[in-house]
Amino acid sequence: MTSTSHPRDLRTELESLTTEAFRPELADIDRLPTLDIARLMNGEDATVAGAVAARLPQIAAAIDAVAERMARGGRLVYAGAGTAGRLGILDASECPPTFNTDPSRVVGLIAGGPDAVVTSVEGAEDSRDLARTDLETLAPTPDDTVVGISASGRTPYAIGAVEHARARGCLTVGLACNPGSPLAAAADHGIEIVVGPELLTGSTRLKSGTAQKLVLNMISTITMIRLGKTYGNLMVDVRASNDKLRARSHRIVALATGAEDKEIEEALTATDGEVKNAILTILAGVDGPTAARLLAESDGHLRAALTASG
């Protein structure tokens, strides 16, 4: 249902959140020299990685559960409002060029729809019903994962997405920046990165946003490593869609194989530019079609395909 909190109740609730706390020692920040303000911000930012480090076991457990479902064909869906929603969309949009995933496999939902990426859509974050409607357009299944993202951990849209997804049998993750949050409590996996009060009171695009970005980087990147989208620390599933990525593809094959330029170009030509297949043709001494078959039989895991080729 749509939130109908009394303004005074909401003010009281916000005052109890660490992300909204006022810091009197920074009350004169606007009177400081620019370099001093920059030093203060940099010092604040330096604490975020430590806050993430304190939750690594919970993050890892969530990633293993996500990867298990994605290996069965499930999707990873991010849902949030404002900055949190934009960060989810950013992470989702970067998976196809980085890991050659189908755009439908990692999806970002934002309260208010695509327009909310660049403009504020008033009231959208307050609706659990809107989250349910947005999620239903994806026809969620038990193999899917829904990650609700909210700095406060109380945003109705993010909580609504998690609650509806859980009712549909999906795996759910709640990513928040306050302890004891309703969002984390609503999810199978609650991840609370407690970064403390912001430099600008309540401006959760700062430390909270940075923390969310770091965690989303981990969720998508490590999940893709688990799914065989990398070989060592090389992006062997990168999609060569422009000159820079074509050059990167060549370099990745070179790093993985140590082959000469001519052999690399021949391998990439024989495999239609597929980096993973090209590496396999060189290291296993097989032709393009054989490389494609071995990879298909190994669910795209290059190491497993190399073992099978021997």
C-alpha atoms as a PDB file:
ATOM      1  CA  MET A   1       0.000   0.000   0.000  1.00  0.00           C
ATOM      2  CA  THR A   2       1.022   3.632  -0.395  1.00  0.00           C
ATOM      3  CA  SER A   3       2.697   5.155   2.651  1.00  0.00           C
ATOM      4  CA  THR A   4       0.473   7.586   4.597  1.00  0.00           C
ATOM      5  CA  SER A   5       2.801   8.451   7.486  1.00  0.00           C
ATOM      6  CA  HIS A   6       1.973  11.635   9.374  1.00  0.00           C
ATOM      7  CA  PRO A   7       4.641  14.298   8.658  1.00  0.00           C
ATOM      8  CA  ARG A   8       5.530  14.498  12.368  1.00  0.00           C
ATOM      9  CA  ASP A   9       5.887  10.711  12.603  1.00  0.00           C
ATOM     10  CA  LEU A  10       8.127  10.734   9.543  1.00  0.00           C
ATOM     11  CA  ARG A  11      10.279  13.508  10.986  1.00  0.00           C
ATOM     12  CA  THR A  12      10.702  11.494  14.177  1.00  0.00           C
ATOM     13  CA  GLU A  13      11.607   8.407  12.141  1.00  0.00           C
ATOM     14  CA  LEU A  14      14.198  10.284  10.078  1.00  0.00           C
ATOM     15  CA  GLU A  15      15.760  11.791  13.202  1.00  0.00           C
ATOM     16  CA  SER A  16      16.404   8.268  14.493  1.00  0.00           C
ATOM     17  CA  LEU A  17      18.417   7.245  11.394  1.00  0.00           C
ATOM     18  CA  THR A  18      22.199   7.500  11.494  1.00  0.00           C
ATOM     19  CA  THR A  19      22.233   8.512   7.809  1.00  0.00           C
ATOM     20  CA  GLU A  20      20.098  11.557   8.708  1.00  0.00           C
ATOM     21  CA  ALA A  21      21.972  12.624  11.859  1.00  0.00           C
ATOM     22  CA  PHE A  22      23.110  16.233  12.224  1.00  0.00           C
ATOM     23  CA  ARG A  23      26.782  16.874  12.937  1.00  0.00           C
ATOM     24  CA  PRO A  24      27.182  20.143  14.840  1.00  0.00           C
ATOM     25  CA  GLU A  25      30.969  20.098  14.378  1.00  0.00           C
ATOM     26  CA  LEU A  26      30.396  20.698  10.652  1.00  0.00           C
ATOM     27  CA  ALA A  27      27.905  23.540  11.095  1.00  0.00           C
ATOM     28  CA  ASP A  28      30.410  26.107   9.778  1.00  0.00           C
ATOM     29  CA  ILE A  29      31.648  24.022   6.840  1.00  0.00           C
ATOM     30  CA  ASP A  30      30.437  26.641   4.364  1.00  0.00           C
ATOM     31  CA  ARG A  31      32.899  29.132   5.855  1.00  0.00           C
ATOM     32  CA  LEU A  32      35.942  26.907   5.288  1.00  0.00           C
ATOM     33  CA  PRO A  33      38.417  27.186   2.377  1.00  0.00           C
ATOM     34  CA  THR A  34      37.634  24.846  -0.512  1.00  0.00           C
ATOM     35  CA  LEU A  35      40.715  22.678   0.106  1.00  0.00           C
ATOM     36  CA  ASP A  36      39.668  22.125   3.733  1.00  0.00           C
ATOM     37  CA  ILE A  37      36.167  21.050   2.653  1.00  0.00           C
ATOM     38  CA  ALA A  38      37.723  18.696   0.088  1.00  0.00           C
ATOM     39  CA  ARG A  39      39.965  17.220   2.817  1.00  0.00           C
ATOM     40  CA  LEU A  40      36.944  16.689   5.053  1.00  0.00           C
ATOM     41  CA  MET A  41      35.018  14.945   2.278  1.00  0.00           C
ATOM     42  CA  ASN A  42      37.998  12.784   1.384  1.00  0.00           C
ATOM     43  CA  GLY A  43      38.414  11.771   5.016  1.00  0.00           C
ATOM     44  CA  GLU A  44      34.748  10.819   5.187  1.00  0.00           C
ATOM     45  CA  ASP A  45      34.994   8.789   1.983  1.00  0.00           C
ATOM     46  CA  ALA A  46      38.020   6.914   3.330  1.00  0.00           C
ATOM     47  CA  THR A  47      35.810   5.334   6.013  1.00  0.00           C
ATOM     48  CA  VAL A  48      33.388   3.718   3.568  1.00  0.00           C
ATOM     49  CA  ALA A  49      35.546   0.740   2.560  1.00  0.00           C
ATOM     50  CA  GLY A  50      35.951  -0.181   6.217  1.00  0.00           C
ATOM     51  CA  ALA A  51      32.194  -0.128   6.722  1.00  0.00           C
ATOM     52  CA  VAL A  52      31.832  -2.472   3.732  1.00  0.00           C
ATOM     53  CA  ALA A  53      34.603  -4.731   5.100  1.00  0.00           C
ATOM     54  CA  ALA A  54      32.582  -5.249   8.288  1.00  0.00           C
ATOM     55  CA  ARG A  55      29.792  -6.864   6.224  1.00  0.00           C
ATOM     56  CA  LEU A  56      31.817  -9.025   3.821  1.00  0.00           C
ATOM     57  CA  PRO A  57      30.509 -12.385   5.179  1.00  0.00           C
ATOM     58  CA  GLN A  58      26.901 -11.268   4.562  1.00  0.00           C
ATOM     59  CA  ILE A  59      27.810  -9.936   1.106  1.00  0.00           C
ATOM     60  CA  ALA A  60      29.573 -13.191   0.154  1.00  0.00           C
ATOM     61  CA  ALA A  61      26.646 -15.322   1.343  1.00  0.00           C
ATOM     62  CA  ALA A  62      24.249 -13.251  -0.754  1.00  0.00           C
ATOM     63  CA  ILE A  63      26.493 -13.484  -3.834  1.00  0.00           C
ATOM     64  CA  ASP A  64      26.724 -17.285  -3.606  1.00  0.00           C
ATOM     65  CA  ALA A  65      22.935 -17.486  -3.433  1.00  0.00           C
ATOM     66  CA  VAL A  66      22.561 -15.102  -6.407  1.00  0.00           C
ATOM     67  CA  ALA A  67      25.087 -17.037  -8.521  1.00  0.00           C
ATOM     68  CA  GLU A  68      23.369 -20.344  -7.775  1.00  0.00           C
ATOM     69  CA  ARG A  69      20.087 -19.005  -9.150  1.00  0.00           C
ATOM     70  CA  MET A  70      21.609 -17.198 -12.117  1.00  0.00           C
ATOM     71  CA  ALA A  71      23.360 -20.439 -13.093  1.00  0.00           C
ATOM     72  CA  ARG A  72      19.852 -21.919 -13.420  1.00  0.00           C
ATOM     73  CA  GLY A  73      18.844 -19.109 -15.770  1.00  0.00           C
ATOM     74  CA  GLY A  74      17.532 -16.656 -13.193  1.00  0.00           C
ATOM     75  CA  ARG A  75      17.789 -12.881 -13.350  1.00  0.00           C
ATOM     76  CA  LEU A  76      19.281 -10.278 -11.036  1.00  0.00           C
ATOM     77  CA  VAL A  77      16.897  -7.369 -10.448  1.00  0.00           C
ATOM     78  CA  TYR A  78      17.779  -4.178  -8.564  1.00  0.00           C
ATOM     79  CA  ALA A  79      14.990  -1.996  -7.171  1.00  0.00           C
ATOM     80  CA  GLY A  80      15.331   1.397  -5.532  1.00  0.00           C
ATOM     81  CA  ALA A  81      14.309   5.048  -5.566  1.00  0.00           C
ATOM     82  CA  GLY A  82      16.390   8.137  -6.291  1.00  0.00           C
ATOM     83  CA  THR A  83      20.144   7.661  -5.972  1.00  0.00           C
ATOM     84  CA  ALA A  84      19.725   4.020  -4.930  1.00  0.00           C
ATOM     85  CA  GLY A  85      17.611   3.275  -8.004  1.00  0.00           C
ATOM     86  CA  ARG A  86      20.076   5.056 -10.298  1.00  0.00           C
ATOM     87  CA  LEU A  87      22.980   3.052  -8.875  1.00  0.00           C
ATOM     88  CA  GLY A  88      21.094  -0.181  -9.570  1.00  0.00           C
ATOM     89  CA  ILE A  89      20.398   0.879 -13.151  1.00  0.00           C
ATOM     90  CA  LEU A  90      24.061   1.860 -13.586  1.00  0.00           C
ATOM     91  CA  ASP A  91      25.261  -1.539 -12.382  1.00  0.00           C
ATOM     92  CA  ALA A  92      22.733  -3.392 -14.551  1.00  0.00           C
ATOM     93  CA  SER A  93      23.567  -1.374 -17.671  1.00  0.00           C
ATOM     94  CA  GLU A  94      27.278  -2.130 -17.355  1.00  0.00           C
ATOM     95  CA  CYS A  95      26.884  -5.921 -17.294  1.00  0.00           C
ATOM     96  CA  PRO A  96      26.221  -6.468 -21.041  1.00  0.00           C
ATOM     97  CA  PRO A  97      29.372  -4.687 -22.302  1.00  0.00           C
ATOM     98  CA  THR A  98      31.554  -6.063 -19.492  1.00  0.00           C
ATOM     99  CA  PHE A  99      30.333  -9.654 -19.326  1.00  0.00           C
ATOM    100  CA  ASN A 100      28.392 -10.105 -22.585  1.00  0.00           C
ATOM    101  CA  THR A 101      25.220 -10.826 -20.627  1.00  0.00           C
ATOM    102  CA  ASP A 102      21.813 -10.528 -22.234  1.00  0.00           C
ATOM    103  CA  PRO A 103      20.328  -7.159 -21.146  1.00  0.00           C
ATOM    104  CA  SER A 104      17.362  -9.013 -19.665  1.00  0.00           C
ATOM    105  CA  ARG A 105      19.549 -10.940 -17.194  1.00  0.00           C
ATOM    106  CA  VAL A 106      20.498  -7.993 -14.955  1.00  0.00           C
ATOM    107  CA  VAL A 107      17.768  -5.359 -14.663  1.00  0.00           C
ATOM    108  CA  GLY A 108      17.387  -2.101 -12.735  1.00  0.00           C
ATOM    109  CA  LEU A 109      13.988  -0.825 -11.581  1.00  0.00           C
ATOM    110  CA  ILE A 110      13.629   2.741 -10.308  1.00  0.00           C
ATOM    111  CA  ALA A 111      10.604   4.273  -8.608  1.00  0.00           C
ATOM    112  CA  GLY A 112       8.910   6.487 -11.184  1.00  0.00           C
ATOM    113  CA  GLY A 113      10.275   4.608 -14.201  1.00  0.00           C
ATOM    114  CA  PRO A 114      13.016   5.599 -16.692  1.00  0.00           C
ATOM    115  CA  ASP A 115      12.256   9.329 -16.378  1.00  0.00           C
ATOM    116  CA  ALA A 116      13.349   9.139 -12.731  1.00  0.00           C
ATOM    117  CA  VAL A 117      16.916   8.394 -13.829  1.00  0.00           C
ATOM    118  CA  VAL A 118      17.414  12.063 -14.729  1.00  0.00           C
ATOM    119  CA  THR A 119      14.571  13.850 -12.933  1.00  0.00           C
ATOM    120  CA  SER A 120      12.912  13.488  -9.541  1.00  0.00           C
ATOM    121  CA  VAL A 121       9.500  11.802  -9.718  1.00  0.00           C
ATOM    122  CA  GLU A 122       7.668  13.082  -6.662  1.00  0.00           C
ATOM    123  CA  GLY A 123       6.012  10.514  -4.430  1.00  0.00           C
ATOM    124  CA  ALA A 124       7.104   7.450  -6.414  1.00  0.00           C
ATOM    125  CA  GLU A 125       9.388   6.183  -3.646  1.00  0.00           C
ATOM    126  CA  ASP A 126       6.476   6.148  -1.177  1.00  0.00           C
ATOM    127  CA  SER A 127       4.503   3.469  -3.028  1.00  0.00           C
ATOM    128  CA  ARG A 128       4.832  -0.237  -2.309  1.00  0.00           C
ATOM    129  CA  ASP A 129       2.082  -0.855  -4.894  1.00  0.00           C
ATOM    130  CA  LEU A 130       4.211   0.766  -7.595  1.00  0.00           C
ATOM    131  CA  ALA A 131       7.067  -1.602  -6.796  1.00  0.00           C
ATOM    132  CA  ARG A 132       4.726  -4.580  -7.059  1.00  0.00           C
ATOM    133  CA  THR A 133       3.435  -3.349 -10.433  1.00  0.00           C
ATOM    134  CA  ASP A 134       6.956  -2.722 -11.777  1.00  0.00           C
ATOM    135  CA  LEU A 135       8.141  -6.139 -10.642  1.00  0.00           C
ATOM    136  CA  GLU A 136       5.153  -7.934 -12.143  1.00  0.00           C
ATOM    137  CA  THR A 137       6.082  -6.634 -15.603  1.00  0.00           C
ATOM    138  CA  LEU A 138       9.107  -8.951 -15.322  1.00  0.00           C
ATOM    139  CA  ALA A 139       6.981 -11.991 -14.340  1.00  0.00           C
ATOM    140  CA  PRO A 140       9.391 -13.012 -11.529  1.00  0.00           C
ATOM    141  CA  THR A 141      10.216 -16.681 -10.878  1.00  0.00           C
ATOM    142  CA  PRO A 142      11.911 -18.495  -7.962  1.00  0.00           C
ATOM    143  CA  ASP A 143      15.192 -18.481  -9.914  1.00  0.00           C
ATOM    144  CA  ASP A 144      15.271 -14.666  -9.881  1.00  0.00           C
ATOM    145  CA  THR A 145      16.894 -12.445  -7.259  1.00  0.00           C
ATOM    146  CA  VAL A 146      15.558  -9.030  -6.272  1.00  0.00           C
ATOM    147  CA  VAL A 147      17.907  -6.626  -4.488  1.00  0.00           C
ATOM    148  CA  GLY A 148      16.128  -3.768  -2.744  1.00  0.00           C
ATOM    149  CA  ILE A 149      18.428  -0.742  -2.311  1.00  0.00           C
ATOM    150  CA  SER A 150      17.755   2.090   0.130  1.00  0.00           C
ATOM    151  CA  ALA A 151      20.162   4.200   2.177  1.00  0.00           C
ATOM    152  CA  SER A 152      17.580   4.759   4.923  1.00  0.00           C
ATOM    153  CA  GLY A 153      16.392   1.153   4.754  1.00  0.00           C
ATOM    154  CA  ARG A 154      12.817   2.414   5.085  1.00  0.00           C
ATOM    155  CA  THR A 155      11.916   3.410   1.488  1.00  0.00           C
ATOM    156  CA  PRO A 156       8.479   1.879   0.760  1.00  0.00           C
ATOM    157  CA  TYR A 157       9.326   1.210  -2.918  1.00  0.00           C
ATOM    158  CA  ALA A 158      12.417  -0.880  -2.055  1.00  0.00           C
ATOM    159  CA  ILE A 159      10.663  -2.718   0.773  1.00  0.00           C
ATOM    160  CA  GLY A 160       7.616  -3.347  -1.421  1.00  0.00           C
ATOM    161  CA  ALA A 161       9.799  -4.826  -4.158  1.00  0.00           C
ATOM    162  CA  VAL A 162      11.482  -7.195  -1.704  1.00  0.00           C
ATOM    163  CA  GLU A 163       8.221  -8.229  -0.019  1.00  0.00           C
ATOM    164  CA  HIS A 164       6.485  -8.941  -3.328  1.00  0.00           C
ATOM    165  CA  ALA A 165       9.513 -10.788  -4.713  1.00  0.00           C
ATOM    166  CA  ARG A 166       9.712 -12.957  -1.607  1.00  0.00           C
ATOM    167  CA  ALA A 167       6.000 -13.766  -1.910  1.00  0.00           C
ATOM    168  CA  ARG A 168       6.704 -14.923  -5.472  1.00  0.00           C
ATOM    169  CA  GLY A 169       9.491 -17.242  -4.252  1.00  0.00           C
ATOM    170  CA  CYS A 170      12.423 -15.104  -5.443  1.00  0.00           C
ATOM    171  CA  LEU A 171      15.669 -14.781  -3.517  1.00  0.00           C
ATOM    172  CA  THR A 172      15.740 -11.360  -1.874  1.00  0.00           C
ATOM    173  CA  VAL A 173      18.536  -9.070  -0.707  1.00  0.00           C
ATOM    174  CA  GLY A 174      18.057  -5.842   1.257  1.00  0.00           C
ATOM    175  CA  LEU A 175      20.929  -3.338   0.958  1.00  0.00           C
ATOM    176  CA  ALA A 176      20.700  -0.450   3.433  1.00  0.00           C
ATOM    177  CA  CYS A 177      22.970   1.966   5.306  1.00  0.00           C
ATOM    178  CA  ASN A 178      21.251   1.993   8.699  1.00  0.00           C
ATOM    179  CA  PRO A 179      21.281  -0.716  11.379  1.00  0.00           C
ATOM    180  CA  GLY A 180      18.048  -2.541  12.191  1.00  0.00           C
ATOM    181  CA  SER A 181      16.404  -1.465   8.939  1.00  0.00           C
ATOM    182  CA  PRO A 182      12.964  -2.695   7.806  1.00  0.00           C
ATOM    183  CA  LEU A 183      14.461  -3.406   4.361  1.00  0.00           C
ATOM    184  CA  ALA A 184      17.114  -5.795   5.660  1.00  0.00           C
ATOM    185  CA  ALA A 185      14.534  -7.448   7.916  1.00  0.00           C
ATOM    186  CA  ALA A 186      12.192  -8.010   4.949  1.00  0.00           C
ATOM    187  CA  ALA A 187      14.866  -9.797   2.861  1.00  0.00           C
ATOM    188  CA  ASP A 188      16.433 -13.268   2.920  1.00  0.00           C
ATOM    189  CA  HIS A 189      19.835 -11.589   3.001  1.00  0.00           C
ATOM    190  CA  GLY A 190      20.085  -8.274   4.843  1.00  0.00           C
ATOM    191  CA  ILE A 191      23.218  -6.221   4.179  1.00  0.00           C
ATOM    192  CA  GLU A 192      23.553  -3.067   6.267  1.00  0.00           C
ATOM    193  CA  ILE A 193      26.595  -0.920   5.533  1.00  0.00           C
ATOM    194  CA  VAL A 194      26.612   1.559   8.422  1.00  0.00           C
ATOM    195  CA  VAL A 195      28.552   4.577   7.158  1.00  0.00           C
ATOM    196  CA  GLY A 196      27.298   7.046   9.761  1.00  0.00           C
ATOM    197  CA  PRO A 197      26.062  10.629   9.347  1.00  0.00           C
ATOM    198  CA  GLU A 198      26.766  12.406   6.068  1.00  0.00           C
ATOM    199  CA  LEU A 199      28.915  15.518   5.602  1.00  0.00           C
ATOM    200  CA  LEU A 200      25.774  17.323   4.407  1.00  0.00           C
ATOM    201  CA  THR A 201      22.952  16.297   6.716  1.00  0.00           C
ATOM    202  CA  GLY A 202      20.817  13.638   5.016  1.00  0.00           C
ATOM    203  CA  SER A 203      22.636  13.778   1.655  1.00  0.00           C
ATOM    204  CA  THR A 204      22.784  10.026   1.175  1.00  0.00           C
ATOM    205  CA  ARG A 205      24.214  10.257  -2.334  1.00  0.00           C
ATOM    206  CA  LEU A 206      27.550  10.775  -0.543  1.00  0.00           C
ATOM    207  CA  LYS A 207      28.932   8.036   1.751  1.00  0.00           C
ATOM    208  CA  SER A 208      25.777   5.932   1.539  1.00  0.00           C
ATOM    209  CA  GLY A 209      25.810   6.118  -2.258  1.00  0.00           C
ATOM    210  CA  THR A 210      29.492   5.193  -2.353  1.00  0.00           C
ATOM    211  CA  ALA A 211      28.863   2.227  -0.070  1.00  0.00           C
ATOM    212  CA  GLN A 212      25.983   1.031  -2.254  1.00  0.00           C
ATOM    213  CA  LYS A 213      28.123   1.350  -5.385  1.00  0.00           C
ATOM    214  CA  LEU A 214      30.901  -0.720  -3.803  1.00  0.00           C
ATOM    215  CA  VAL A 215      28.494  -3.479  -2.773  1.00  0.00           C
ATOM    216  CA  LEU A 216      26.711  -3.554  -6.146  1.00  0.00           C
ATOM    217  CA  ASN A 217      30.125  -3.793  -7.851  1.00  0.00           C
ATOM    218  CA  MET A 218      30.814  -6.849  -5.705  1.00  0.00           C
ATOM    219  CA  ILE A 219      27.438  -8.480  -6.295  1.00  0.00           C
ATOM    220  CA  SER A 220      27.581  -8.236 -10.091  1.00  0.00           C
ATOM    221  CA  THR A 221      31.326  -8.781 -10.568  1.00  0.00           C
ATOM    222  CA  ILE A 222      31.763 -11.741  -8.216  1.00  0.00           C
ATOM    223  CA  THR A 223      28.545 -13.337  -9.443  1.00  0.00           C
ATOM    224  CA  MET A 224      29.904 -13.152 -12.991  1.00  0.00           C
ATOM    225  CA  ILE A 225      33.234 -14.636 -11.841  1.00  0.00           C
ATOM    226  CA  ARG A 226      31.280 -17.527 -10.284  1.00  0.00           C
ATOM    227  CA  LEU A 227      29.354 -17.934 -13.571  1.00  0.00           C
ATOM    228  CA  GLY A 228      32.578 -18.333 -15.575  1.00  0.00           C
ATOM    229  CA  LYS A 229      32.450 -14.925 -17.234  1.00  0.00           C
ATOM    230  CA  THR A 230      36.128 -14.390 -16.456  1.00  0.00           C
ATOM    231  CA  TYR A 231      39.370 -16.350 -16.830  1.00  0.00           C
ATOM    232  CA  GLY A 232      41.604 -15.423 -13.948  1.00  0.00           C
ATOM    233  CA  ASN A 233      41.165 -11.652 -13.738  1.00  0.00           C
ATOM    234  CA  LEU A 234      40.560 -11.260 -17.476  1.00  0.00           C
ATOM    235  CA  MET A 235      37.192 -10.193 -18.942  1.00  0.00           C
ATOM    236  CA  VAL A 236      37.015 -13.016 -21.451  1.00  0.00           C
ATOM    237  CA  ASP A 237      33.307 -12.423 -22.133  1.00  0.00           C
ATOM    238  CA  VAL A 238      33.776  -8.767 -23.040  1.00  0.00           C
ATOM    239  CA  ARG A 239      31.734  -7.718 -26.072  1.00  0.00           C
ATOM    240  CA  ALA A 240      33.882  -6.051 -28.764  1.00  0.00           C
ATOM    241  CA  SER A 241      31.408  -3.359 -29.799  1.00  0.00           C
ATOM    242  CA  ASN A 242      33.843  -0.529 -30.550  1.00  0.00           C
ATOM    243  CA  ASP A 243      37.493   0.089 -31.438  1.00  0.00           C
ATOM    244  CA  LYS A 244      38.608   0.284 -27.812  1.00  0.00           C
ATOM    245  CA  LEU A 245      36.935  -3.017 -26.950  1.00  0.00           C
ATOM    246  CA  ARG A 246      38.334  -4.681 -30.079  1.00  0.00           C
ATOM    247  CA  ALA A 247      41.803  -3.625 -28.988  1.00  0.00           C
ATOM    248  CA  ARG A 248      41.052  -4.852 -25.468  1.00  0.00           C
ATOM    249  CA  SER A 249      39.845  -8.191 -26.853  1.00  0.00           C
ATOM    250  CA  HIS A 250      43.151  -8.642 -28.674  1.00  0.00           C
ATOM    251  CA  ARG A 251      45.077  -7.767 -25.515  1.00  0.00           C
ATOM    252  CA  ILE A 252      43.047 -10.178 -23.361  1.00  0.00           C
ATOM    253  CA  VAL A 253      43.755 -13.049 -25.763  1.00  0.00           C
ATOM    254  CA  ALA A 254      47.444 -12.098 -25.717  1.00  0.00           C
ATOM    255  CA  LEU A 255      47.568 -12.033 -21.915  1.00  0.00           C
ATOM    256  CA  ALA A 256      45.771 -15.367 -21.641  1.00  0.00           C
ATOM    257  CA  THR A 257      47.785 -17.191 -24.297  1.00  0.00           C
ATOM    258  CA  GLY A 258      51.081 -15.386 -24.915  1.00  0.00           C
ATOM    259  CA  ALA A 259      50.452 -15.893 -28.650  1.00  0.00           C
ATOM    260  CA  GLU A 260      51.778 -13.630 -31.417  1.00  0.00           C
ATOM    261  CA  ASP A 261      49.589 -10.953 -33.003  1.00  0.00           C
ATOM    262  CA  LYS A 262      49.037 -12.887 -36.238  1.00  0.00           C
ATOM    263  CA  GLU A 263      47.815 -16.009 -34.428  1.00  0.00           C
ATOM    264  CA  ILE A 264      45.544 -13.916 -32.206  1.00  0.00           C
ATOM    265  CA  GLU A 265      43.947 -12.140 -35.172  1.00  0.00           C
ATOM    266  CA  GLU A 266      43.397 -15.483 -36.924  1.00  0.00           C
ATOM    267  CA  ALA A 267      41.813 -16.946 -33.792  1.00  0.00           C
ATOM    268  CA  LEU A 268      39.502 -13.954 -33.298  1.00  0.00           C
ATOM    269  CA  THR A 269      38.481 -14.101 -36.968  1.00  0.00           C
ATOM    270  CA  ALA A 270      37.794 -17.839 -36.732  1.00  0.00           C
ATOM    271  CA  THR A 271      35.610 -17.339 -33.667  1.00  0.00           C
ATOM    272  CA  ASP A 272      33.695 -14.238 -34.772  1.00  0.00           C
ATOM    273  CA  GLY A 273      35.516 -12.062 -32.264  1.00  0.00           C
ATOM    274  CA  GLU A 274      34.519 -14.167 -29.250  1.00  0.00           C
ATOM    275  CA  VAL A 275      37.452 -13.778 -26.857  1.00  0.00           C
ATOM    276  CA  LYS A 276      36.771 -16.897 -24.802  1.00  0.00           C
ATOM    277  CA  ASN A 277      36.499 -19.067 -27.932  1.00  0.00           C
ATOM    278  CA  ALA A 278      39.650 -17.544 -29.427  1.00  0.00           C
ATOM    279  CA  ILE A 279      41.647 -18.341 -26.284  1.00  0.00           C
ATOM    280  CA  LEU A 280      40.400 -21.919 -26.381  1.00  0.00           C
ATOM    281  CA  THR A 281      41.360 -22.408 -30.042  1.00  0.00           C
ATOM    282  CA  ILE A 282      44.906 -21.283 -29.244  1.00  0.00           C
ATOM    283  CA  LEU A 283      45.458 -23.043 -25.898  1.00  0.00           C
ATOM    284  CA  ALA A 284      43.671 -26.278 -26.822  1.00  0.00           C
ATOM    285  CA  GLY A 285      44.666 -26.341 -30.512  1.00  0.00           C
ATOM    286  CA  VAL A 286      41.080 -26.807 -31.691  1.00  0.00           C
ATOM    287  CA  ASP A 287      39.077 -25.112 -34.432  1.00  0.00           C
ATOM    288  CA  GLY A 288      36.320 -22.526 -33.906  1.00  0.00           C
ATOM    289  CA  PRO A 289      33.324 -24.895 -33.986  1.00  0.00           C
ATOM    290  CA  THR A 290      35.031 -27.306 -31.568  1.00  0.00           C
ATOM    291  CA  ALA A 291      35.806 -24.445 -29.190  1.00  0.00           C
ATOM    292  CA  ALA A 292      32.161 -23.353 -29.310  1.00  0.00           C
ATOM    293  CA  ARG A 293      30.990 -26.912 -28.563  1.00  0.00           C
ATOM    294  CA  LEU A 294      33.416 -27.398 -25.664  1.00  0.00           C
ATOM    295  CA  LEU A 295      32.332 -24.112 -24.113  1.00  0.00           C
ATOM    296  CA  ALA A 296      28.659 -24.937 -24.532  1.00  0.00           C
ATOM    297  CA  GLU A 297      29.210 -28.297 -22.832  1.00  0.00           C
ATOM    298  CA  SER A 298      31.064 -26.517 -19.998  1.00  0.00           C
ATOM    299  CA  ASP A 299      28.324 -23.891 -19.421  1.00  0.00           C
ATOM    300  CA  GLY A 300      30.691 -21.217 -20.676  1.00  0.00           C
ATOM    301  CA  HIS A 301      33.440 -21.915 -18.114  1.00  0.00           C
ATOM    302  CA  LEU A 302      36.750 -21.591 -19.971  1.00  0.00           C
ATOM    303  CA  ARG A 303      38.788 -23.508 -17.383  1.00  0.00           C
ATOM    304  CA  ALA A 304      36.373 -26.438 -17.565  1.00  0.00           C
ATOM    305  CA  ALA A 305      36.443 -26.366 -21.379  1.00  0.00           C
ATOM    306  CA  LEU A 306      40.248 -26.415 -21.354  1.00  0.00           C
ATOM    307  CA  THR A 307      40.210 -29.440 -19.051  1.00  0.00           C
ATOM    308  CA  ALA A 308      37.660 -31.182 -21.286  1.00  0.00           C
ATOM    309  CA  SER A 309      39.758 -30.506 -24.395  1.00  0.00           C
ATOM    310  CA  GLY A 310      42.736 -32.337 -22.945  1.00  0.00           C
END
